[in-house]
Amino acid sequence: MIAPNRTRGTRFRAVLAAALVLAAPAAVLAQSEHPEIERRRAVERKTFTDAEIVEGFFKVAFGAELHVGGPADRIRKFDRPVRVFIDNRAKPDRRAEVVAAIADIRARVQHLDIAATGTREEANVEVVLVRDRDLTNTLAKIYGSKRAFQIERELQPQCLSSLVKDETFRIVHSRVILVVDAGAFIFNDCLYEELLQSLGPSNDTDVPWTMFNDDVRMGFFGVYDQYLINILYDPRIRPGMSAAEVRAVLPDVLPDVRAWVAKINGLEPPPEAVGQR
């Protein structure tokens, strides 16, 4: 399952020290945001109908932009803690920004246990940081020449994510490839989209409020996408569920997701969430 984005990159070696994993988020998040991210955050739409949320969820959670790994008509997600190893092969060194984004996602998705790790062996997500000029060679080394040629020809990617699932549609491993030298805004935009796509929502869409639309640039984890990922990682949404099975449980799932997203973002709770714990 391949999900591309819009940057280009390289490969080189580095082991992420445990100290970086533990210390980076607070330091990075304390920095001021890129002006483009601040501008987009200031005009972000934060109020959506149930129908708008449900439409986006079904469009990104089912299907895949480049379908190369078996059926994509079922829910795909991790059913265990997600541990992310950062393989830094380029400069500038953006590992701390990746760690900060992972911490941000963890804070905003209620039922997702995700964290950075300095140990490749315990990781089930690998983030590869590369230079733009080396992206083609990196793709060939990771996916093989034939698959890399298909990716380049059909998608013309900049950044990229892919996942491997088992026969029950549980994700067992994901990989994200990010270019570090295309600018801070593009890096952050790619970082959030590809990290989130590596968790299961592999399809791109024309829905205008989501970063999974290739015409949308955000650079942060917006409210609309928080709805989508919180639905996906609600325990009642299980790997392998069909669209019909998801529709059957959504009336129970959506009010809880709405209440959580409102709470974490300081929004007015939806009427159906008033009085809920």
Protein backbone atom coordinates (compact mmCIF):
# COMPACT_ATOMS: atom_id res chain seq x y z
CA MET A 1 0.00 0.00 0.00
CA ILE A 2 1.64 3.24 -1.15
CA ALA A 3 0.54 6.74 -0.25
CA PRO A 4 2.61 9.53 -1.84
CA ASN A 5 2.87 13.22 -1.13
CA ARG A 6 4.83 16.11 -2.53
CA THR A 7 8.58 16.43 -1.73
CA ARG A 8 11.78 14.69 -2.90
CA GLY A 9 14.72 13.13 -0.84
CA THR A 10 18.01 10.90 0.21
CA ARG A 11 19.44 8.21 2.50
CA PHE A 12 22.13 8.23 5.17
CA ARG A 13 22.89 6.64 8.53
CA ALA A 14 22.23 7.73 12.09
CA VAL A 15 20.95 6.11 15.25
CA LEU A 16 18.41 8.15 17.18
CA ALA A 17 19.63 8.56 20.74
CA ALA A 18 17.16 7.88 23.53
CA ALA A 19 17.92 11.33 24.94
CA LEU A 20 16.60 12.93 21.77
CA VAL A 21 13.41 10.88 21.91
CA LEU A 22 12.77 12.00 25.47
CA ALA A 23 13.87 15.60 25.26
CA ALA A 24 12.97 16.87 21.80
CA PRO A 25 9.19 17.49 21.90
CA ALA A 26 9.11 20.21 24.54
CA ALA A 27 12.04 22.03 22.97
CA VAL A 28 10.62 21.92 19.45
CA LEU A 29 7.04 22.75 20.39
CA ALA A 30 8.29 25.76 22.35
CA GLN A 31 9.59 27.29 19.11
CA SER A 32 7.36 29.63 17.10
CA GLU A 33 5.52 28.04 14.20
CA HIS A 34 6.38 28.66 10.58
CA PRO A 35 4.42 31.74 9.37
CA GLU A 36 2.60 29.67 6.75
CA ILE A 37 1.43 27.22 9.41
CA GLU A 38 0.32 30.08 11.67
CA ARG A 39 -1.66 31.62 8.81
CA ARG A 40 -3.40 28.37 7.95
CA ARG A 41 -4.13 27.59 11.58
CA ALA A 42 -5.72 31.02 12.02
CA VAL A 43 -8.24 30.41 9.23
CA GLU A 44 -8.82 26.70 9.90
CA ARG A 45 -12.44 25.60 9.77
CA LYS A 46 -13.34 23.79 13.00
CA THR A 47 -17.08 23.14 12.78
CA PHE A 48 -18.35 20.20 10.70
CA THR A 49 -21.57 18.28 10.35
CA ASP A 50 -21.73 14.56 11.00
CA ALA A 51 -22.24 14.01 7.27
CA GLU A 52 -19.09 15.95 6.40
CA ILE A 53 -17.02 13.96 8.89
CA VAL A 54 -18.43 10.61 7.79
CA GLU A 55 -17.86 11.42 4.11
CA GLY A 56 -14.19 12.16 4.71
CA PHE A 57 -13.68 9.08 6.85
CA PHE A 58 -15.01 6.66 4.27
CA LYS A 59 -13.07 8.32 1.48
CA VAL A 60 -9.68 8.07 3.23
CA ALA A 61 -10.10 4.85 5.23
CA PHE A 62 -11.14 2.69 2.26
CA GLY A 63 -9.15 2.40 -0.94
CA ALA A 64 -5.60 3.51 -1.73
CA GLU A 65 -4.08 5.98 -4.16
CA LEU A 66 -1.68 3.38 -5.55
CA HIS A 67 -3.02 -0.10 -4.94
CA VAL A 68 -0.21 -2.64 -4.96
CA GLY A 69 -0.75 -4.84 -1.89
CA GLY A 70 -4.01 -6.81 -1.94
CA PRO A 71 -7.58 -5.65 -1.18
CA ALA A 72 -8.05 -2.12 0.14
CA ASP A 73 -11.79 -2.34 0.86
CA ARG A 74 -11.42 -2.99 4.60
CA ILE A 75 -10.32 -1.02 7.63
CA ARG A 76 -6.53 -1.05 8.03
CA LYS A 77 -5.01 0.04 11.33
CA PHE A 78 -2.51 -0.92 14.01
CA ASP A 79 -4.03 -2.95 16.85
CA ARG A 80 -1.00 -2.61 19.12
CA PRO A 81 1.25 0.22 20.36
CA VAL A 82 2.93 2.13 17.54
CA ARG A 83 6.64 2.75 17.94
CA VAL A 84 8.42 5.00 15.45
CA PHE A 85 12.12 4.76 14.60
CA ILE A 86 13.71 7.72 12.81
CA ASP A 87 16.43 6.83 10.31
CA ASN A 88 18.22 10.10 9.61
CA ARG A 89 20.22 10.06 6.36
CA ALA A 90 20.45 13.78 5.54
CA LYS A 91 20.91 17.35 6.69
CA PRO A 92 19.38 19.50 8.06
CA ASP A 93 18.73 17.15 10.96
CA ARG A 94 14.95 17.23 11.47
CA ARG A 95 14.63 14.31 13.87
CA ALA A 96 13.45 16.54 16.70
CA GLU A 97 10.60 17.86 14.53
CA VAL A 98 9.49 14.30 13.81
CA VAL A 99 9.53 13.45 17.51
CA ALA A 100 7.46 16.57 18.26
CA ALA A 101 4.87 15.65 15.62
CA ILE A 102 4.60 12.13 17.04
CA ALA A 103 3.95 13.58 20.49
CA ASP A 104 1.34 15.95 19.04
CA ILE A 105 -0.50 13.09 17.32
CA ARG A 106 -0.41 11.04 20.53
CA ALA A 107 -1.97 13.93 22.47
CA ARG A 108 -4.80 14.39 19.98
CA VAL A 109 -5.85 10.78 19.28
CA GLN A 110 -7.53 9.30 22.31
CA HIS A 111 -7.01 5.58 21.75
CA LEU A 112 -3.68 5.61 19.91
CA ASP A 113 -0.53 4.64 21.79
CA ILE A 114 2.22 6.12 19.60
CA ALA A 115 5.73 7.18 20.59
CA ALA A 116 9.22 7.56 19.15
CA THR A 117 11.82 4.93 19.92
CA GLY A 118 15.58 4.92 19.57
CA THR A 119 15.59 1.17 18.87
CA ARG A 120 14.88 -0.02 15.34
CA GLU A 121 14.08 -3.53 16.59
CA GLU A 122 11.08 -2.42 18.63
CA ALA A 123 9.71 -0.12 15.93
CA ASN A 124 6.77 -0.92 13.64
CA VAL A 125 6.96 2.43 11.83
CA GLU A 126 10.17 3.66 10.21
CA VAL A 127 10.64 7.29 9.20
CA VAL A 128 13.47 7.76 6.69
CA LEU A 129 14.81 11.30 6.33
CA VAL A 130 16.49 11.94 2.97
CA ARG A 131 17.74 14.64 0.62
CA ASP A 132 15.77 15.62 -2.45
CA ARG A 133 18.45 14.56 -4.89
CA ASP A 134 18.58 11.02 -3.48
CA LEU A 135 14.87 10.17 -3.45
CA THR A 136 14.94 8.07 -6.63
CA ASN A 137 17.81 5.91 -5.41
CA THR A 138 16.20 5.57 -1.99
CA LEU A 139 12.95 4.34 -3.50
CA ALA A 140 14.84 1.79 -5.61
CA LYS A 141 16.77 0.48 -2.62
CA ILE A 142 13.68 0.17 -0.42
CA TYR A 143 11.05 -1.00 -2.91
CA GLY A 144 13.13 -2.47 -5.73
CA SER A 145 13.72 -0.95 -9.15
CA LYS A 146 10.47 -2.15 -10.74
CA ARG A 147 8.22 -0.92 -7.92
CA ALA A 148 10.17 2.34 -7.62
CA PHE A 149 9.72 2.98 -11.34
CA GLN A 150 5.97 2.42 -10.99
CA ILE A 151 5.79 4.82 -8.05
CA GLU A 152 7.75 7.52 -9.88
CA ARG A 153 5.79 7.08 -13.13
CA GLU A 154 2.29 7.04 -11.62
CA LEU A 155 2.66 9.30 -8.60
CA GLN A 156 5.69 11.55 -9.13
CA PRO A 157 6.02 11.65 -5.34
CA GLN A 158 7.84 14.01 -3.11
CA CYS A 159 7.25 12.42 0.28
CA LEU A 160 5.80 8.92 0.59
CA SER A 161 4.30 6.43 3.02
CA SER A 162 3.61 2.72 2.66
CA LEU A 163 2.25 0.01 4.88
CA VAL A 164 2.25 -3.76 5.20
CA LYS A 165 -0.84 -5.50 6.57
CA ASP A 166 -1.57 -9.11 7.50
CA GLU A 167 -4.47 -11.28 6.33
CA THR A 168 -6.76 -9.70 8.94
CA PHE A 169 -5.89 -6.16 7.74
CA ARG A 170 -3.89 -5.33 10.85
CA ILE A 171 -0.96 -3.11 9.94
CA VAL A 172 2.29 -4.82 10.92
CA HIS A 173 4.77 -2.27 9.56
CA SER A 174 4.76 1.14 7.91
CA ARG A 175 7.46 3.26 6.33
CA VAL A 176 7.54 7.02 5.74
CA ILE A 177 10.08 8.73 3.48
CA LEU A 178 10.50 12.47 3.95
CA VAL A 179 12.69 15.03 2.20
CA VAL A 180 14.45 17.36 4.63
CA ASP A 181 15.85 20.04 2.31
CA ALA A 182 12.72 21.34 0.57
CA GLY A 183 11.91 23.94 3.22
CA ALA A 184 10.43 23.92 6.72
CA PHE A 185 6.80 24.35 5.69
CA ILE A 186 6.86 21.59 3.07
CA PHE A 187 8.63 19.29 5.53
CA ASN A 188 5.99 19.79 8.22
CA ASP A 189 3.15 19.43 5.72
CA CYS A 190 4.58 16.14 4.47
CA LEU A 191 5.50 14.99 7.96
CA TYR A 192 1.97 15.13 9.34
CA GLU A 193 0.26 13.75 6.25
CA GLU A 194 2.59 10.80 5.78
CA LEU A 195 2.77 9.89 9.48
CA LEU A 196 -1.02 9.85 9.63
CA GLN A 197 -1.36 7.90 6.39
CA SER A 198 1.07 5.32 7.74
CA LEU A 199 -1.52 4.61 10.46
CA GLY A 200 -4.11 3.41 7.94
CA PRO A 201 -5.97 6.14 6.01
CA SER A 202 -4.13 5.51 2.74
CA ASN A 203 -6.49 7.03 0.20
CA ASP A 204 -6.33 10.57 -1.11
CA THR A 205 -9.58 12.50 -1.50
CA ASP A 206 -11.17 15.65 -2.89
CA VAL A 207 -12.66 16.60 0.51
CA PRO A 208 -11.46 20.21 0.99
CA TRP A 209 -10.81 20.19 4.75
CA THR A 210 -8.29 17.35 5.00
CA MET A 211 -4.55 17.12 4.44
CA PHE A 212 -5.27 13.86 2.57
CA ASN A 213 -6.34 16.07 -0.33
CA ASP A 214 -3.22 16.71 -2.45
CA ASP A 215 -4.45 20.24 -3.18
CA VAL A 216 -4.48 21.11 0.53
CA ARG A 217 -1.37 22.32 2.39
CA MET A 218 -1.59 22.58 6.18
CA GLY A 219 1.57 21.71 8.10
CA PHE A 220 -0.29 20.76 11.26
CA PHE A 221 -2.83 18.21 12.57
CA GLY A 222 -6.10 19.99 11.94
CA VAL A 223 -9.46 19.48 13.64
CA TYR A 224 -11.09 17.74 10.67
CA ASP A 225 -8.31 15.17 10.42
CA GLN A 226 -8.44 14.67 14.16
CA TYR A 227 -12.04 13.53 13.69
CA LEU A 228 -10.99 11.04 11.02
CA ILE A 229 -8.08 9.50 12.93
CA ASN A 230 -10.01 9.34 16.20
CA ILE A 231 -12.79 7.44 14.43
CA LEU A 232 -10.26 5.04 12.93
CA TYR A 233 -8.59 4.34 16.27
CA ASP A 234 -11.76 4.02 18.31
CA PRO A 235 -11.71 0.43 19.68
CA ARG A 236 -15.10 -0.24 18.11
CA ILE A 237 -13.57 0.24 14.65
CA ARG A 238 -11.60 -2.95 14.11
CA PRO A 239 -9.13 -4.05 11.42
CA GLY A 240 -10.88 -5.90 8.61
CA MET A 241 -14.28 -4.23 9.04
CA SER A 242 -16.22 -3.52 5.86
CA ALA A 243 -17.83 -0.18 5.09
CA ALA A 244 -21.23 -1.60 6.05
CA GLU A 245 -19.89 -2.83 9.39
CA VAL A 246 -18.39 0.57 10.10
CA ARG A 247 -21.65 2.33 9.28
CA ALA A 248 -23.44 0.12 11.80
CA VAL A 249 -21.26 1.27 14.72
CA LEU A 250 -20.67 4.91 13.73
CA PRO A 251 -23.79 6.21 15.53
CA ASP A 252 -22.16 5.08 18.78
CA VAL A 253 -18.61 6.09 17.87
CA LEU A 254 -19.15 9.56 16.45
CA PRO A 255 -20.59 11.28 19.56
CA ASP A 256 -17.64 10.07 21.65
CA VAL A 257 -15.17 11.24 19.01
CA ARG A 258 -16.88 14.62 18.77
CA ALA A 259 -16.71 15.08 22.53
CA TRP A 260 -13.00 14.19 22.63
CA VAL A 261 -12.00 16.46 19.73
CA ALA A 262 -13.98 19.33 21.25
CA LYS A 263 -12.28 18.82 24.61
CA ILE A 264 -8.72 18.57 23.28
CA ASN A 265 -9.15 21.66 21.08
CA GLY A 266 -11.14 23.81 23.51
CA LEU A 267 -14.18 23.83 21.23
CA GLU A 268 -17.82 24.03 22.18
CA PRO A 269 -19.02 20.46 22.74
CA PRO A 270 -21.66 19.23 20.30
CA PRO A 271 -25.19 19.10 21.74
CA GLU A 272 -25.21 15.29 21.92
CA ALA A 273 -22.01 15.37 24.01
CA VAL A 274 -23.40 17.65 26.72
CA GLY A 275 -23.64 15.75 29.97
CA GLN A 276 -21.39 12.92 28.80
CA ARG A 277 -18.38 12.05 30.87
